[in-house]
Amino acid sequence: MTAHEHGYIHDKERYLARLKRIEGQARGIHRMVEEDKYCIDILTQISALTSALEGVAIGLLDEHLKHCVVDAAKEGGPEADEKIKEASDAIARLVRS
């Protein structure tokens, strides 16, 4: 793996397909609001959208840990510390959201 290649690159098409579905879900929620659908139905769709986004985030985080962080840790030095801090910060953001 080259230094500029991201861990998710081999699953890029799968991530793009998932994001396309998520985009469709968001448009569907927008349409539901425009059409004055029942609040609980909209909230149910928002929950599904949130879960889908979290699934993508967890997948990307997993790939980052397996590739970027592990590779940096093998190399050692300040880059390893930086990659570990990036991962910790990303986890903290996911936990807060």
PDB file of N, CA and C in Angstrom:
ATOM      1  N   MET A   1       0.846  -1.185   0.000  1.00  0.00           N
ATOM      2  CA  MET A   1       0.000   0.000   0.000  1.00  0.00           C
ATOM      3  C   MET A   1       0.887   1.242   0.000  1.00  0.00           C
ATOM      4  N   THR A   2       0.600   2.190  -0.897  1.00  0.00           N
ATOM      5  CA  THR A   2       1.384   3.401  -0.966  1.00  0.00           C
ATOM      6  C   THR A   2       0.993   4.335   0.170  1.00  0.00           C
ATOM      7  N   ALA A   3       1.854   5.329   0.410  1.00  0.00           N
ATOM      8  CA  ALA A   3       1.631   6.230   1.525  1.00  0.00           C
ATOM      9  C   ALA A   3       0.338   7.033   1.381  1.00  0.00           C
ATOM     10  N   HIS A   4      -0.093   7.294   0.154  1.00  0.00           N
ATOM     11  CA  HIS A   4      -1.282   8.125  -0.040  1.00  0.00           C
ATOM     12  C   HIS A   4      -2.557   7.309  -0.218  1.00  0.00           C
ATOM     13  N   GLU A   5      -2.468   6.009  -0.237  1.00  0.00           N
ATOM     14  CA  GLU A   5      -3.656   5.170  -0.444  1.00  0.00           C
ATOM     15  C   GLU A   5      -4.364   4.925   0.885  1.00  0.00           C
ATOM     16  N   HIS A   6      -5.663   5.164   0.904  1.00  0.00           N
ATOM     17  CA  HIS A   6      -6.440   5.000   2.120  1.00  0.00           C
ATOM     18  C   HIS A   6      -6.910   3.564   2.259  1.00  0.00           C
ATOM     19  N   GLY A   7      -7.135   3.140   3.506  1.00  0.00           N
ATOM     20  CA  GLY A   7      -7.519   1.765   3.786  1.00  0.00           C
ATOM     21  C   GLY A   7      -8.813   1.336   3.133  1.00  0.00           C
ATOM     22  N   TYR A   8      -9.740   2.264   2.929  1.00  0.00           N
ATOM     23  CA  TYR A   8     -11.043   1.913   2.372  1.00  0.00           C
ATOM     24  C   TYR A   8     -11.021   1.768   0.854  1.00  0.00           C
ATOM     25  N   ILE A   9      -9.894   2.052   0.226  1.00  0.00           N
ATOM     26  CA  ILE A   9      -9.826   2.131  -1.234  1.00  0.00           C
ATOM     27  C   ILE A   9     -10.311   0.850  -1.913  1.00  0.00           C
ATOM     28  N   HIS A  10     -10.076  -0.293  -1.295  1.00  0.00           N
ATOM     29  CA  HIS A  10     -10.486  -1.558  -1.908  1.00  0.00           C
ATOM     30  C   HIS A  10     -11.985  -1.790  -1.788  1.00  0.00           C
ATOM     31  N   ASP A  11     -12.641  -1.084  -0.873  1.00  0.00           N
ATOM     32  CA  ASP A  11     -14.100  -1.165  -0.708  1.00  0.00           C
ATOM     33  C   ASP A  11     -14.785   0.120  -1.145  1.00  0.00           C
ATOM     34  N   LYS A  12     -14.075   0.930  -1.909  1.00  0.00           N
ATOM     35  CA  LYS A  12     -14.589   2.242  -2.280  1.00  0.00           C
ATOM     36  C   LYS A  12     -15.959   2.155  -2.950  1.00  0.00           C
ATOM     37  N   GLU A  13     -16.132   1.232  -3.893  1.00  0.00           N
ATOM     38  CA  GLU A  13     -17.415   1.119  -4.594  1.00  0.00           C
ATOM     39  C   GLU A  13     -18.542   0.755  -3.630  1.00  0.00           C
ATOM     40  N   ARG A  14     -18.249  -0.102  -2.667  1.00  0.00           N
ATOM     41  CA  ARG A  14     -19.256  -0.475  -1.665  1.00  0.00           C
ATOM     42  C   ARG A  14     -19.630   0.732  -0.813  1.00  0.00           C
ATOM     43  N   TYR A  15     -18.630   1.522  -0.407  1.00  0.00           N
ATOM     44  CA  TYR A  15     -18.922   2.727   0.370  1.00  0.00           C
ATOM     45  C   TYR A  15     -19.732   3.721  -0.455  1.00  0.00           C
ATOM     46  N   LEU A  16     -19.380   3.890  -1.713  1.00  0.00           N
ATOM     47  CA  LEU A  16     -20.114   4.813  -2.566  1.00  0.00           C
ATOM     48  C   LEU A  16     -21.562   4.363  -2.746  1.00  0.00           C
ATOM     49  N   ALA A  17     -21.779   3.065  -2.893  1.00  0.00           N
ATOM     50  CA  ALA A  17     -23.146   2.545  -3.031  1.00  0.00           C
ATOM     51  C   ALA A  17     -23.944   2.797  -1.752  1.00  0.00           C
ATOM     52  N   ARG A  18     -23.314   2.571  -0.611  1.00  0.00           N
ATOM     53  CA  ARG A  18     -23.999   2.819   0.665  1.00  0.00           C
ATOM     54  C   ARG A  18     -24.339   4.292   0.818  1.00  0.00           C
ATOM     55  N   LEU A  19     -23.406   5.165   0.438  1.00  0.00           N
ATOM     56  CA  LEU A  19     -23.650   6.601   0.538  1.00  0.00           C
ATOM     57  C   LEU A  19     -24.741   7.053  -0.433  1.00  0.00           C
ATOM     58  N   LYS A  20     -24.820   6.425  -1.574  1.00  0.00           N
ATOM     59  CA  LYS A  20     -25.887   6.743  -2.528  1.00  0.00           C
ATOM     60  C   LYS A  20     -27.253   6.372  -1.934  1.00  0.00           C
ATOM     61  N   ARG A  21     -27.324   5.226  -1.263  1.00  0.00           N
ATOM     62  CA  ARG A  21     -28.575   4.837  -0.589  1.00  0.00           C
ATOM     63  C   ARG A  21     -28.911   5.823   0.527  1.00  0.00           C
ATOM     64  N   ILE A  22     -27.905   6.246   1.271  1.00  0.00           N
ATOM     65  CA  ILE A  22     -28.113   7.214   2.351  1.00  0.00           C
ATOM     66  C   ILE A  22     -28.623   8.537   1.770  1.00  0.00           C
ATOM     67  N   GLU A  23     -28.056   8.948   0.666  1.00  0.00           N
ATOM     68  CA  GLU A  23     -28.511  10.165  -0.003  1.00  0.00           C
ATOM     69  C   GLU A  23     -29.985  10.043  -0.387  1.00  0.00           C
ATOM     70  N   GLY A  24     -30.376   8.880  -0.890  1.00  0.00           N
ATOM     71  CA  GLY A  24     -31.775   8.633  -1.228  1.00  0.00           C
ATOM     72  C   GLY A  24     -32.666   8.681  -0.001  1.00  0.00           C
ATOM     73  N   GLN A  25     -32.180   8.129   1.110  1.00  0.00           N
ATOM     74  CA  GLN A  25     -32.944   8.184   2.361  1.00  0.00           C
ATOM     75  C   GLN A  25     -33.158   9.636   2.791  1.00  0.00           C
ATOM     76  N   ALA A  26     -32.117  10.454   2.687  1.00  0.00           N
ATOM     77  CA  ALA A  26     -32.228  11.865   3.088  1.00  0.00           C
ATOM     78  C   ALA A  26     -33.243  12.581   2.198  1.00  0.00           C
ATOM     79  N   ARG A  27     -33.206  12.308   0.905  1.00  0.00           N
ATOM     80  CA  ARG A  27     -34.200  12.912   0.008  1.00  0.00           C
ATOM     81  C   ARG A  27     -35.606  12.451   0.370  1.00  0.00           C
ATOM     82  N   GLY A  28     -35.736  11.183   0.750  1.00  0.00           N
ATOM     83  CA  GLY A  28     -37.034  10.654   1.155  1.00  0.00           C
ATOM     84  C   GLY A  28     -37.567  11.353   2.390  1.00  0.00           C
ATOM     85  N   ILE A  29     -36.701  11.630   3.339  1.00  0.00           N
ATOM     86  CA  ILE A  29     -37.109  12.354   4.550  1.00  0.00           C
ATOM     87  C   ILE A  29     -37.548  13.772   4.185  1.00  0.00           C
ATOM     88  N   HIS A  30     -36.799  14.406   3.309  1.00  0.00           N
ATOM     89  CA  HIS A  30     -37.160  15.749   2.850  1.00  0.00           C
ATOM     90  C   HIS A  30     -38.551  15.732   2.223  1.00  0.00           C
ATOM     91  N   ARG A  31     -38.796  14.745   1.396  1.00  0.00           N
ATOM     92  CA  ARG A  31     -40.098  14.604   0.733  1.00  0.00           C
ATOM     93  C   ARG A  31     -41.210  14.369   1.767  1.00  0.00           C
ATOM     94  N   MET A  32     -40.920  13.550   2.780  1.00  0.00           N
ATOM     95  CA  MET A  32     -41.914  13.288   3.830  1.00  0.00           C
ATOM     96  C   MET A  32     -42.317  14.573   4.546  1.00  0.00           C
ATOM     97  N   VAL A  33     -41.331  15.423   4.833  1.00  0.00           N
ATOM     98  CA  VAL A  33     -41.633  16.687   5.496  1.00  0.00           C
ATOM     99  C   VAL A  33     -42.455  17.578   4.562  1.00  0.00           C
ATOM    100  N   GLU A  34     -42.046  17.646   3.295  1.00  0.00           N
ATOM    101  CA  GLU A  34     -42.806  18.444   2.323  1.00  0.00           C
ATOM    102  C   GLU A  34     -44.261  17.989   2.230  1.00  0.00           C
ATOM    103  N   GLU A  35     -44.462  16.685   2.345  1.00  0.00           N
ATOM    104  CA  GLU A  35     -45.805  16.111   2.196  1.00  0.00           C
ATOM    105  C   GLU A  35     -46.552  16.002   3.523  1.00  0.00           C
ATOM    106  N   ASP A  36     -46.009  16.622   4.563  1.00  0.00           N
ATOM    107  CA  ASP A  36     -46.649  16.648   5.884  1.00  0.00           C
ATOM    108  C   ASP A  36     -46.965  15.252   6.417  1.00  0.00           C
ATOM    109  N   LYS A  37     -46.011  14.332   6.280  1.00  0.00           N
ATOM    110  CA  LYS A  37     -46.212  12.980   6.804  1.00  0.00           C
ATOM    111  C   LYS A  37     -46.185  12.996   8.331  1.00  0.00           C
ATOM    112  N   TYR A  38     -46.659  11.917   8.911  1.00  0.00           N
ATOM    113  CA  TYR A  38     -46.755  11.764  10.364  1.00  0.00           C
ATOM    114  C   TYR A  38     -45.362  11.852  10.998  1.00  0.00           C
ATOM    115  N   CYS A  39     -45.256  12.641  12.073  1.00  0.00           N
ATOM    116  CA  CYS A  39     -43.970  12.905  12.734  1.00  0.00           C
ATOM    117  C   CYS A  39     -43.219  11.625  13.096  1.00  0.00           C
ATOM    118  N   ILE A  40     -43.919  10.663  13.647  1.00  0.00           N
ATOM    119  CA  ILE A  40     -43.270   9.423  14.084  1.00  0.00           C
ATOM    120  C   ILE A  40     -42.689   8.676  12.886  1.00  0.00           C
ATOM    121  N   ASP A  41     -43.372   8.706  11.757  1.00  0.00           N
ATOM    122  CA  ASP A  41     -42.847   8.063  10.549  1.00  0.00           C
ATOM    123  C   ASP A  41     -41.565   8.750  10.083  1.00  0.00           C
ATOM    124  N   ILE A  42     -41.539  10.066  10.168  1.00  0.00           N
ATOM    125  CA  ILE A  42     -40.329  10.817   9.789  1.00  0.00           C
ATOM    126  C   ILE A  42     -39.194  10.492  10.756  1.00  0.00           C
ATOM    127  N   LEU A  43     -39.504  10.465  12.049  1.00  0.00           N
ATOM    128  CA  LEU A  43     -38.482  10.142  13.048  1.00  0.00           C
ATOM    129  C   LEU A  43     -37.925   8.740  12.854  1.00  0.00           C
ATOM    130  N   THR A  44     -38.783   7.806  12.454  1.00  0.00           N
ATOM    131  CA  THR A  44     -38.327   6.440  12.183  1.00  0.00           C
ATOM    132  C   THR A  44     -37.329   6.438  11.028  1.00  0.00           C
ATOM    133  N   GLN A  45     -37.612   7.208   9.996  1.00  0.00           N
ATOM    134  CA  GLN A  45     -36.704   7.283   8.855  1.00  0.00           C
ATOM    135  C   GLN A  45     -35.403   7.986   9.220  1.00  0.00           C
ATOM    136  N   ILE A  46     -35.493   8.998  10.072  1.00  0.00           N
ATOM    137  CA  ILE A  46     -34.276   9.681  10.540  1.00  0.00           C
ATOM    138  C   ILE A  46     -33.408   8.709  11.339  1.00  0.00           C
ATOM    139  N   SER A  47     -34.039   7.880  12.155  1.00  0.00           N
ATOM    140  CA  SER A  47     -33.292   6.882  12.915  1.00  0.00           C
ATOM    141  C   SER A  47     -32.585   5.900  11.983  1.00  0.00           C
ATOM    142  N   ALA A  48     -33.268   5.474  10.928  1.00  0.00           N
ATOM    143  CA  ALA A  48     -32.657   4.557   9.952  1.00  0.00           C
ATOM    144  C   ALA A  48     -31.491   5.230   9.239  1.00  0.00           C
ATOM    145  N   LEU A  49     -31.656   6.503   8.895  1.00  0.00           N
ATOM    146  CA  LEU A  49     -30.589   7.254   8.236  1.00  0.00           C
ATOM    147  C   LEU A  49     -29.382   7.395   9.161  1.00  0.00           C
ATOM    148  N   THR A  50     -29.642   7.709  10.410  1.00  0.00           N
ATOM    149  CA  THR A  50     -28.563   7.846  11.398  1.00  0.00           C
ATOM    150  C   THR A  50     -27.795   6.531  11.539  1.00  0.00           C
ATOM    151  N   SER A  51     -28.516   5.423  11.614  1.00  0.00           N
ATOM    152  CA  SER A  51     -27.867   4.111  11.726  1.00  0.00           C
ATOM    153  C   SER A  51     -27.023   3.807  10.496  1.00  0.00           C
ATOM    154  N   ALA A  52     -27.536   4.160   9.323  1.00  0.00           N
ATOM    155  CA  ALA A  52     -26.788   3.918   8.090  1.00  0.00           C
ATOM    156  C   ALA A  52     -25.502   4.735   8.069  1.00  0.00           C
ATOM    157  N   LEU A  53     -25.574   5.996   8.463  1.00  0.00           N
ATOM    158  CA  LEU A  53     -24.380   6.841   8.522  1.00  0.00           C
ATOM    159  C   LEU A  53     -23.383   6.316   9.549  1.00  0.00           C
ATOM    160  N   GLU A  54     -23.898   5.879  10.699  1.00  0.00           N
ATOM    161  CA  GLU A  54     -23.008   5.317  11.717  1.00  0.00           C
ATOM    162  C   GLU A  54     -22.318   4.060  11.197  1.00  0.00           C
ATOM    163  N   GLY A  55     -23.028   3.264  10.425  1.00  0.00           N
ATOM    164  CA  GLY A  55     -22.418   2.068   9.836  1.00  0.00           C
ATOM    165  C   GLY A  55     -21.261   2.418   8.919  1.00  0.00           C
ATOM    166  N   VAL A  56     -21.435   3.442   8.103  1.00  0.00           N
ATOM    167  CA  VAL A  56     -20.351   3.901   7.222  1.00  0.00           C
ATOM    168  C   VAL A  56     -19.190   4.416   8.070  1.00  0.00           C
ATOM    169  N   ALA A  57     -19.504   5.206   9.085  1.00  0.00           N
ATOM    170  CA  ALA A  57     -18.459   5.775   9.940  1.00  0.00           C
ATOM    171  C   ALA A  57     -17.651   4.675  10.639  1.00  0.00           C
ATOM    172  N   ILE A  58     -18.339   3.682  11.171  1.00  0.00           N
ATOM    173  CA  ILE A  58     -17.645   2.586  11.850  1.00  0.00           C
ATOM    174  C   ILE A  58     -16.778   1.803  10.865  1.00  0.00           C
ATOM    175  N   GLY A  59     -17.292   1.581   9.665  1.00  0.00           N
ATOM    176  CA  GLY A  59     -16.505   0.893   8.643  1.00  0.00           C
ATOM    177  C   GLY A  59     -15.247   1.656   8.289  1.00  0.00           C
ATOM    178  N   LEU A  60     -15.381   2.964   8.087  1.00  0.00           N
ATOM    179  CA  LEU A  60     -14.216   3.785   7.755  1.00  0.00           C
ATOM    180  C   LEU A  60     -13.225   3.828   8.918  1.00  0.00           C
ATOM    181  N   LEU A  61     -13.734   3.920  10.130  1.00  0.00           N
ATOM    182  CA  LEU A  61     -12.859   3.920  11.300  1.00  0.00           C
ATOM    183  C   LEU A  61     -12.104   2.601  11.398  1.00  0.00           C
ATOM    184  N   ASP A  62     -12.802   1.504  11.180  1.00  0.00           N
ATOM    185  CA  ASP A  62     -12.174   0.180  11.215  1.00  0.00           C
ATOM    186  C   ASP A  62     -11.059   0.084  10.169  1.00  0.00           C
ATOM    187  N   GLU A  63     -11.353   0.547   8.963  1.00  0.00           N
ATOM    188  CA  GLU A  63     -10.332   0.529   7.903  1.00  0.00           C
ATOM    189  C   GLU A  63      -9.143   1.412   8.279  1.00  0.00           C
ATOM    190  N   HIS A  64      -9.434   2.568   8.865  1.00  0.00           N
ATOM    191  CA  HIS A  64      -8.366   3.483   9.270  1.00  0.00           C
ATOM    192  C   HIS A  64      -7.459   2.819  10.315  1.00  0.00           C
ATOM    193  N   LEU A  65      -8.077   2.162  11.288  1.00  0.00           N
ATOM    194  CA  LEU A  65      -7.288   1.493  12.321  1.00  0.00           C
ATOM    195  C   LEU A  65      -6.455   0.364  11.730  1.00  0.00           C
ATOM    196  N   LYS A  66      -7.068  -0.453  10.876  1.00  0.00           N
ATOM    197  CA  LYS A  66      -6.381  -1.610  10.304  1.00  0.00           C
ATOM    198  C   LYS A  66      -5.251  -1.236   9.361  1.00  0.00           C
ATOM    199  N   HIS A  67      -5.376  -0.114   8.699  1.00  0.00           N
ATOM    200  CA  HIS A  67      -4.380   0.243   7.694  1.00  0.00           C
ATOM    201  C   HIS A  67      -3.518   1.411   8.136  1.00  0.00           C
ATOM    202  N   CYS A  68      -4.103   2.589   8.223  1.00  0.00           N
ATOM    203  CA  CYS A  68      -3.319   3.797   8.496  1.00  0.00           C
ATOM    204  C   CYS A  68      -2.626   3.744   9.857  1.00  0.00           C
ATOM    205  N   VAL A  69      -3.379   3.374  10.889  1.00  0.00           N
ATOM    206  CA  VAL A  69      -2.804   3.370  12.238  1.00  0.00           C
ATOM    207  C   VAL A  69      -1.789   2.241  12.395  1.00  0.00           C
ATOM    208  N   VAL A  70      -2.129   1.054  11.918  1.00  0.00           N
ATOM    209  CA  VAL A  70      -1.199  -0.075  12.031  1.00  0.00           C
ATOM    210  C   VAL A  70       0.086   0.210  11.251  1.00  0.00           C
ATOM    211  N   ASP A  71      -0.046   0.717  10.022  1.00  0.00           N
ATOM    212  CA  ASP A  71       1.146   1.028   9.229  1.00  0.00           C
ATOM    213  C   ASP A  71       2.008   2.082   9.913  1.00  0.00           C
ATOM    214  N   ALA A  72       1.374   3.122  10.445  1.00  0.00           N
ATOM    215  CA  ALA A  72       2.128   4.175  11.136  1.00  0.00           C
ATOM    216  C   ALA A  72       2.787   3.622  12.402  1.00  0.00           C
ATOM    217  N   ALA A  73       2.087   2.748  13.119  1.00  0.00           N
ATOM    218  CA  ALA A  73       2.645   2.168  14.344  1.00  0.00           C
ATOM    219  C   ALA A  73       3.876   1.327  14.027  1.00  0.00           C
ATOM    220  N   LYS A  74       3.831   0.605  12.908  1.00  0.00           N
ATOM    221  CA  LYS A  74       4.994  -0.197  12.500  1.00  0.00           C
ATOM    222  C   LYS A  74       6.194   0.696  12.214  1.00  0.00           C
ATOM    223  N   GLU A  75       5.927   1.870  11.630  1.00  0.00           N
ATOM    224  CA  GLU A  75       7.001   2.814  11.318  1.00  0.00           C
ATOM    225  C   GLU A  75       7.506   3.518  12.570  1.00  0.00           C
ATOM    226  N   GLY A  76       6.600   3.742  13.533  1.00  0.00           N
ATOM    227  CA  GLY A  76       6.974   4.425  14.767  1.00  0.00           C
ATOM    228  C   GLY A  76       7.128   5.925  14.567  1.00  0.00           C
ATOM    229  N   GLY A  77       7.625   6.570  15.577  1.00  0.00           N
ATOM    230  CA  GLY A  77       7.901   8.003  15.495  1.00  0.00           C
ATOM    231  C   GLY A  77       6.669   8.865  15.637  1.00  0.00           C
ATOM    232  N   PRO A  78       6.818  10.151  15.297  1.00  0.00           N
ATOM    233  CA  PRO A  78       5.729  11.115  15.488  1.00  0.00           C
ATOM    234  C   PRO A  78       4.493  10.818  14.631  1.00  0.00           C
ATOM    235  N   GLU A  79       4.688  10.215  13.458  1.00  0.00           N
ATOM    236  CA  GLU A  79       3.533   9.894  12.613  1.00  0.00           C
ATOM    237  C   GLU A  79       2.628   8.875  13.301  1.00  0.00           C
ATOM    238  N   ALA A  80       3.212   7.923  14.009  1.00  0.00           N
ATOM    239  CA  ALA A  80       2.420   6.934  14.737  1.00  0.00           C
ATOM    240  C   ALA A  80       1.577   7.618  15.809  1.00  0.00           C
ATOM    241  N   ASP A  81       2.204   8.512  16.546  1.00  0.00           N
ATOM    242  CA  ASP A  81       1.472   9.252  17.581  1.00  0.00           C
ATOM    243  C   ASP A  81       0.344  10.077  16.964  1.00  0.00           C
ATOM    244  N   GLU A  82       0.621  10.694  15.818  1.00  0.00           N
ATOM    245  CA  GLU A  82      -0.381  11.517  15.139  1.00  0.00           C
ATOM    246  C   GLU A  82      -1.571  10.670  14.678  1.00  0.00           C
ATOM    247  N   LYS A  83      -1.297   9.499  14.096  1.00  0.00           N
ATOM    248  CA  LYS A  83      -2.380   8.632  13.609  1.00  0.00           C
ATOM    249  C   LYS A  83      -3.225   8.098  14.764  1.00  0.00           C
ATOM    250  N   ILE A  84      -2.591   7.769  15.865  1.00  0.00           N
ATOM    251  CA  ILE A  84      -3.335   7.294  17.040  1.00  0.00           C
ATOM    252  C   ILE A  84      -4.206   8.418  17.586  1.00  0.00           C
ATOM    253  N   LYS A  85      -3.671   9.642  17.643  1.00  0.00           N
ATOM    254  CA  LYS A  85      -4.468  10.783  18.117  1.00  0.00           C
ATOM    255  C   LYS A  85      -5.635  11.043  17.173  1.00  0.00           C
ATOM    256  N   GLU A  86      -5.405  10.969  15.871  1.00  0.00           N
ATOM    257  CA  GLU A  86      -6.496  11.149  14.898  1.00  0.00           C
ATOM    258  C   GLU A  86      -7.609  10.136  15.148  1.00  0.00           C
ATOM    259  N   ALA A  87      -7.219   8.887  15.339  1.00  0.00           N
ATOM    260  CA  ALA A  87      -8.209   7.833  15.578  1.00  0.00           C
ATOM    261  C   ALA A  87      -8.963   8.088  16.888  1.00  0.00           C
ATOM    262  N   SER A  88      -8.251   8.457  17.929  1.00  0.00           N
ATOM    263  CA  SER A  88      -8.901   8.748  19.217  1.00  0.00           C
ATOM    264  C   SER A  88      -9.869   9.915  19.083  1.00  0.00           C
ATOM    265  N   ASP A  89      -9.455  10.954  18.374  1.00  0.00           N
ATOM    266  CA  ASP A  89     -10.326  12.118  18.164  1.00  0.00           C
ATOM    267  C   ASP A  89     -11.570  11.729  17.362  1.00  0.00           C
ATOM    268  N   ALA A  90     -11.386  10.888  16.337  1.00  0.00           N
ATOM    269  CA  ALA A  90     -12.527  10.443  15.524  1.00  0.00           C
ATOM    270  C   ALA A  90     -13.500   9.624  16.367  1.00  0.00           C
ATOM    271  N   ILE A  91     -12.974   8.758  17.212  1.00  0.00           N
ATOM    272  CA  ILE A  91     -13.827   7.960  18.098  1.00  0.00           C
ATOM    273  C   ILE A  91     -14.600   8.873  19.041  1.00  0.00           C
ATOM    274  N   ALA A  92     -13.923   9.865  19.589  1.00  0.00           N
ATOM    275  CA  ALA A  92     -14.579  10.810  20.506  1.00  0.00           C
ATOM    276  C   ALA A  92     -15.713  11.548  19.787  1.00  0.00           C
ATOM    277  N   ARG A  93     -15.490  11.951  18.533  1.00  0.00           N
ATOM    278  CA  ARG A  93     -16.553  12.631  17.783  1.00  0.00           C
ATOM    279  C   ARG A  93     -17.736  11.702  17.548  1.00  0.00           C
ATOM    280  N   LEU A  94     -17.460  10.452  17.231  1.00  0.00           N
ATOM    281  CA  LEU A  94     -18.546   9.492  16.993  1.00  0.00           C
ATOM    282  C   LEU A  94     -19.344   9.239  18.265  1.00  0.00           C
ATOM    283  N   VAL A  95     -18.666   9.164  19.388  1.00  0.00           N
ATOM    284  CA  VAL A  95     -19.335   8.911  20.658  1.00  0.00           C
ATOM    285  C   VAL A  95     -20.221  10.101  21.042  1.00  0.00           C
ATOM    286  N   ARG A  96     -19.749  11.298  20.766  1.00  0.00           N
ATOM    287  CA  ARG A  96     -20.521  12.508  21.107  1.00  0.00           C
ATOM    288  C   ARG A  96     -21.728  12.700  20.203  1.00  0.00           C
ATOM    289  N   SER A  97     -21.670  12.190  18.992  1.00  0.00           N
ATOM    290  CA  SER A  97     -22.776  12.453  18.050  1.00  0.00           C
ATOM    291  C   SER A  97     -23.967  11.567  18.290  1.00  0.00           C
TER     292      SER A  97
END
